[in-house]
Structure formats: structure tokens, C-alpha cells
C-alpha atoms as a PDB file:
ATOM      1  CA  MET A   1     109.141  98.095 127.707  1.00  0.00           C
ATOM      2  CA  ALA A   2     108.071  94.791 126.225  1.00  0.00           C
ATOM      3  CA  ASN A   3     108.274  91.356 127.835  1.00  0.00           C
ATOM      4  CA  GLY A   4     109.610  88.274 126.116  1.00  0.00           C
ATOM      5  CA  THR A   5     111.674  85.122 126.407  1.00  0.00           C
ATOM      6  CA  VAL A   6     115.050  84.276 124.969  1.00  0.00           C
ATOM      7  CA  LYS A   7     114.583  82.010 121.941  1.00  0.00           C
ATOM      8  CA  TRP A   8     118.318  81.406 121.615  1.00  0.00           C
ATOM      9  CA  PHE A   9     121.592  83.204 122.233  1.00  0.00           C
ATOM     10  CA  ASP A  10     125.044  82.198 120.966  1.00  0.00           C
ATOM     11  CA  PRO A  11     127.716  83.644 123.285  1.00  0.00           C
ATOM     12  CA  ALA A  12     130.481  82.782 120.794  1.00  0.00           C
ATOM     13  CA  LYS A  13     128.801  84.887 118.097  1.00  0.00           C
ATOM     14  CA  GLY A  14     127.450  87.468 120.548  1.00  0.00           C
ATOM     15  CA  PHE A  15     123.838  87.558 119.414  1.00  0.00           C
ATOM     16  CA  GLY A  16     120.492  85.792 119.511  1.00  0.00           C
ATOM     17  CA  PHE A  17     116.748  86.347 119.349  1.00  0.00           C
ATOM     18  CA  ILE A  18     113.927  87.125 121.774  1.00  0.00           C
ATOM     19  CA  THR A  19     110.344  85.955 121.265  1.00  0.00           C
ATOM     20  CA  PRO A  20     107.850  88.698 122.251  1.00  0.00           C
ATOM     21  CA  GLU A  21     105.314  87.730 124.941  1.00  0.00           C
ATOM     22  CA  GLY A  22     102.380  89.059 122.917  1.00  0.00           C
ATOM     23  CA  GLY A  23     103.412  87.359 119.692  1.00  0.00           C
ATOM     24  CA  GLY A  24     104.912  88.813 116.555  1.00  0.00           C
ATOM     25  CA  PRO A  25     108.289  88.383 114.912  1.00  0.00           C
ATOM     26  CA  ASP A  26     111.350  87.486 116.968  1.00  0.00           C
ATOM     27  CA  VAL A  27     113.620  90.406 117.847  1.00  0.00           C
ATOM     28  CA  PHE A  28     117.404  90.439 117.311  1.00  0.00           C
ATOM     29  CA  VAL A  29     119.522  90.970 120.439  1.00  0.00           C
ATOM     30  CA  HIS A  30     123.250  91.818 120.403  1.00  0.00           C
ATOM     31  CA  HIS A  31     125.593  91.227 123.342  1.00  0.00           C
ATOM     32  CA  SER A  32     126.306  94.972 123.548  1.00  0.00           C
ATOM     33  CA  VAL A  33     122.878  95.602 125.155  1.00  0.00           C
ATOM     34  CA  LEU A  34     123.277  93.000 127.910  1.00  0.00           C
ATOM     35  CA  PRO A  35     123.370  94.420 131.459  1.00  0.00           C
ATOM     36  CA  GLU A  36     126.824  95.048 132.935  1.00  0.00           C
ATOM     37  CA  GLY A  37     128.435  91.804 134.087  1.00  0.00           C
ATOM     38  CA  VAL A  38     126.114  89.602 132.003  1.00  0.00           C
ATOM     39  CA  ARG A  39     127.904  87.715 129.224  1.00  0.00           C
ATOM     40  CA  SER A  40     125.132  85.489 127.881  1.00  0.00           C
ATOM     41  CA  LEU A  41     121.416  84.743 127.902  1.00  0.00           C
ATOM     42  CA  THR A  42     119.778  81.354 128.449  1.00  0.00           C
ATOM     43  CA  GLU A  43     117.074  79.833 126.262  1.00  0.00           C
ATOM     44  CA  GLY A  44     113.686  80.414 127.920  1.00  0.00           C
ATOM     45  CA  GLN A  45     114.980  83.229 130.163  1.00  0.00           C
ATOM     46  CA  ALA A  46     112.422  86.001 130.799  1.00  0.00           C
ATOM     47  CA  VAL A  47     113.500  89.513 129.803  1.00  0.00           C
ATOM     48  CA  ARG A  48     112.141  93.056 129.463  1.00  0.00           C
ATOM     49  CA  TYR A  49     113.389  95.069 126.528  1.00  0.00           C
ATOM     50  CA  GLU A  50     112.956  98.154 124.369  1.00  0.00           C
ATOM     51  CA  VAL A  51     112.844  97.792 120.588  1.00  0.00           C
ATOM     52  CA  GLU A  52     114.586  99.989 118.039  1.00  0.00           C
ATOM     53  CA  SER A  53     113.707  99.913 114.332  1.00  0.00           C
ATOM     54  CA  THR A  54     116.586  99.652 111.869  1.00  0.00           C
ATOM     55  CA  PRO A  55     116.713  99.245 108.082  1.00  0.00           C
ATOM     56  CA  ARG A  56     117.399  95.530 108.710  1.00  0.00           C
ATOM     57  CA  GLY A  57     114.419  95.125 111.059  1.00  0.00           C
ATOM     58  CA  ALA A  58     113.719  95.397 114.770  1.00  0.00           C
ATOM     59  CA  LYS A  59     116.464  94.967 117.346  1.00  0.00           C
ATOM     60  CA  VAL A  60     116.719  95.242 121.116  1.00  0.00           C
ATOM     61  CA  ALA A  61     117.914  98.708 122.192  1.00  0.00           C
ATOM     62  CA  SER A  62     118.032  97.985 125.948  1.00  0.00           C
ATOM     63  CA  LEU A  63     117.421  94.885 128.035  1.00  0.00           C
ATOM     64  CA  GLN A  64     116.656  93.953 131.647  1.00  0.00           C
ATOM     65  CA  LEU A  65     116.621  90.476 133.154  1.00  0.00           C
ATOM     66  CA  THR A  66     113.426  89.577 135.034  1.00  0.00           C
END
């Protein structure tokens, strides 16, 4: 799993981006991968996540709050 911080997340739209701890491009995160009971993420929040490659680029496949 990779570590990163939430760059931004729009709960109305249900998505946002995570900035990887080690640098590199931001990673798309969709509300469907948030842990049960979590409805939003906060800018600057620390997270652990797994990345999945898609034709549109990298996206978060699973996410844990740290």
C-alpha cells in the first residue's frame, strides 16, 4: 500500500485526488472506495491506498484512513 494525503475531495460530486507521499502524479479517488461509514475525505488527511491502472490513468482501488 502507498501513503499519501488528500489533495481535495468534493462530497457533492463524490470524488477527489490524493497526492502520493513519495511524489508523482495525483491519484483519482472515488467515493465508492471509502471505508464503510465514511462519506467524505478532508484536505490534508493522511491515507493509505492501493492503486489500480485504468485506460484513463491511475485510480485508488482501496483506501484506509491513517
